[in-house]
Every structure is written in structure tokens, then in C-alpha cells.
Amino acid sequence: MAVPTPVNGQITDAVTQANITVLAQAPAMAMGSLYQAQANALSILFANSVDAQAKLADSFEAITDERT
């Protein structure tokens, strides 16, 4: 402890360790959130691509059925 306080030293050490742990884990938590957001966006992109392809296939089928 740098400054003497009326609080028990073990308590201040425990709080300091908890604060350091939170600060140390912050970059990993941020990267985890970023990866999760990117995976979600990519899955939406693929779902939209599949949906668009299915709609184009339906349109093509409707066009080719009318001409025959």
C-alpha cells in the first residue's frame, strides 16, 4: 500500500487485485465482442445471399415456364 488508510490492508489489496484483473481482461473481452459481432454480421450476409439466390431461381423458373 502506498498510503496508510484506516481500512485493513488485506481489503485494499483484494480490491486492487480485482481492479487489475478487470483491466487485464478488458482487451480480451473487447476482442471477443468484436469477433462475435463480425460472426453475426457474416451469418446475416450469407443468409441474405441464400435468400436472394432463391428468389432469383424462383423468378427464372417463372420466366422460363411462361415461354414454353
C-alpha atoms as a PDB file:
ATOM      1  CA  MET A   1       0.000   0.000   0.000  1.00  0.00           C
ATOM      2  CA  ALA A   2       1.281   3.409  -0.895  1.00  0.00           C
ATOM      3  CA  VAL A   3      -0.759   5.475   1.555  1.00  0.00           C
ATOM      4  CA  PRO A   4      -1.763   4.314   5.047  1.00  0.00           C
ATOM      5  CA  THR A   5      -5.557   4.146   5.398  1.00  0.00           C
ATOM      6  CA  PRO A   6      -7.928   3.165   8.206  1.00  0.00           C
ATOM      7  CA  VAL A   7      -9.058   0.205   6.082  1.00  0.00           C
ATOM      8  CA  ASN A   8      -7.492  -3.204   6.562  1.00  0.00           C
ATOM      9  CA  GLY A   9      -4.570  -3.728   4.169  1.00  0.00           C
ATOM     10  CA  GLN A  10      -5.900  -7.081   3.025  1.00  0.00           C
ATOM     11  CA  ILE A  11      -9.117  -5.448   1.869  1.00  0.00           C
ATOM     12  CA  THR A  12      -7.343  -2.778  -0.141  1.00  0.00           C
ATOM     13  CA  ASP A  13      -5.040  -5.406  -1.651  1.00  0.00           C
ATOM     14  CA  ALA A  14      -8.042  -7.546  -2.643  1.00  0.00           C
ATOM     15  CA  VAL A  15      -9.787  -4.580  -4.252  1.00  0.00           C
ATOM     16  CA  THR A  16      -6.594  -3.611  -6.064  1.00  0.00           C
ATOM     17  CA  GLN A  17      -6.170  -7.156  -7.389  1.00  0.00           C
ATOM     18  CA  ALA A  18      -9.792  -7.210  -8.563  1.00  0.00           C
ATOM     19  CA  ASN A  19      -9.304  -3.911 -10.386  1.00  0.00           C
ATOM     20  CA  ILE A  20      -6.116  -5.156 -12.034  1.00  0.00           C
ATOM     21  CA  THR A  21      -7.878  -8.356 -13.115  1.00  0.00           C
ATOM     22  CA  VAL A  22     -10.689  -6.367 -14.727  1.00  0.00           C
ATOM     23  CA  LEU A  23      -8.214  -4.127 -16.534  1.00  0.00           C
ATOM     24  CA  ALA A  24      -6.179  -7.111 -17.710  1.00  0.00           C
ATOM     25  CA  GLN A  25      -9.230  -8.909 -19.094  1.00  0.00           C
ATOM     26  CA  ALA A  26     -10.690  -5.866 -20.869  1.00  0.00           C
ATOM     27  CA  PRO A  27      -8.791  -6.299 -24.174  1.00  0.00           C
ATOM     28  CA  ALA A  28      -9.743  -9.969 -24.418  1.00  0.00           C
ATOM     29  CA  MET A  29     -13.388  -9.181 -23.686  1.00  0.00           C
ATOM     30  CA  ALA A  30     -13.365  -6.431 -26.310  1.00  0.00           C
ATOM     31  CA  MET A  31     -11.882  -8.738 -28.938  1.00  0.00           C
ATOM     32  CA  GLY A  32     -14.414 -11.430 -28.040  1.00  0.00           C
ATOM     33  CA  SER A  33     -17.250  -8.966 -28.546  1.00  0.00           C
ATOM     34  CA  LEU A  34     -15.752  -7.834 -31.838  1.00  0.00           C
ATOM     35  CA  TYR A  35     -15.403 -11.398 -33.127  1.00  0.00           C
ATOM     36  CA  GLN A  36     -18.958 -12.198 -32.081  1.00  0.00           C
ATOM     37  CA  ALA A  37     -20.308  -9.114 -33.869  1.00  0.00           C
ATOM     38  CA  GLN A  38     -18.338  -9.972 -37.016  1.00  0.00           C
ATOM     39  CA  ALA A  39     -19.594 -13.560 -36.984  1.00  0.00           C
ATOM     40  CA  ASN A  40     -23.169 -12.346 -36.590  1.00  0.00           C
ATOM     41  CA  ALA A  41     -22.807  -9.882 -39.468  1.00  0.00           C
ATOM     42  CA  LEU A  42     -21.259 -12.557 -41.681  1.00  0.00           C
ATOM     43  CA  SER A  43     -24.049 -15.016 -40.939  1.00  0.00           C
ATOM     44  CA  ILE A  44     -26.643 -12.377 -41.852  1.00  0.00           C
ATOM     45  CA  LEU A  45     -24.746 -11.687 -45.071  1.00  0.00           C
ATOM     46  CA  PHE A  46     -24.798 -15.367 -46.023  1.00  0.00           C
ATOM     47  CA  ALA A  47     -28.482 -15.690 -45.127  1.00  0.00           C
ATOM     48  CA  ASN A  48     -29.305 -12.717 -47.343  1.00  0.00           C
ATOM     49  CA  SER A  49     -27.233 -14.194 -50.177  1.00  0.00           C
ATOM     50  CA  VAL A  50     -29.051 -17.519 -49.978  1.00  0.00           C
ATOM     51  CA  ASP A  51     -32.412 -15.741 -49.881  1.00  0.00           C
ATOM     52  CA  ALA A  52     -31.524 -13.602 -52.907  1.00  0.00           C
ATOM     53  CA  GLN A  53     -30.346 -16.651 -54.849  1.00  0.00           C
ATOM     54  CA  ALA A  54     -33.567 -18.488 -54.036  1.00  0.00           C
ATOM     55  CA  LYS A  55     -35.658 -15.536 -55.208  1.00  0.00           C
ATOM     56  CA  LEU A  56     -33.683 -15.302 -58.445  1.00  0.00           C
ATOM     57  CA  ALA A  57     -34.167 -19.023 -59.026  1.00  0.00           C
ATOM     58  CA  ASP A  58     -37.919 -18.640 -58.489  1.00  0.00           C
ATOM     59  CA  SER A  59     -38.019 -15.692 -60.887  1.00  0.00           C
ATOM     60  CA  PHE A  60     -36.044 -17.595 -63.507  1.00  0.00           C
ATOM     61  CA  GLU A  61     -38.355 -20.571 -63.154  1.00  0.00           C
ATOM     62  CA  ALA A  62     -41.421 -18.363 -63.587  1.00  0.00           C
ATOM     63  CA  ILE A  63     -39.942 -16.698 -66.675  1.00  0.00           C
ATOM     64  CA  THR A  64     -38.929 -19.953 -68.354  1.00  0.00           C
ATOM     65  CA  ASP A  65     -42.282 -21.620 -67.626  1.00  0.00           C
ATOM     66  CA  GLU A  66     -44.238 -18.852 -69.371  1.00  0.00           C
ATOM     67  CA  ARG A  67     -42.184 -19.051 -72.587  1.00  0.00           C
ATOM     68  CA  THR A  68     -42.682 -22.781 -73.123  1.00  0.00           C
END
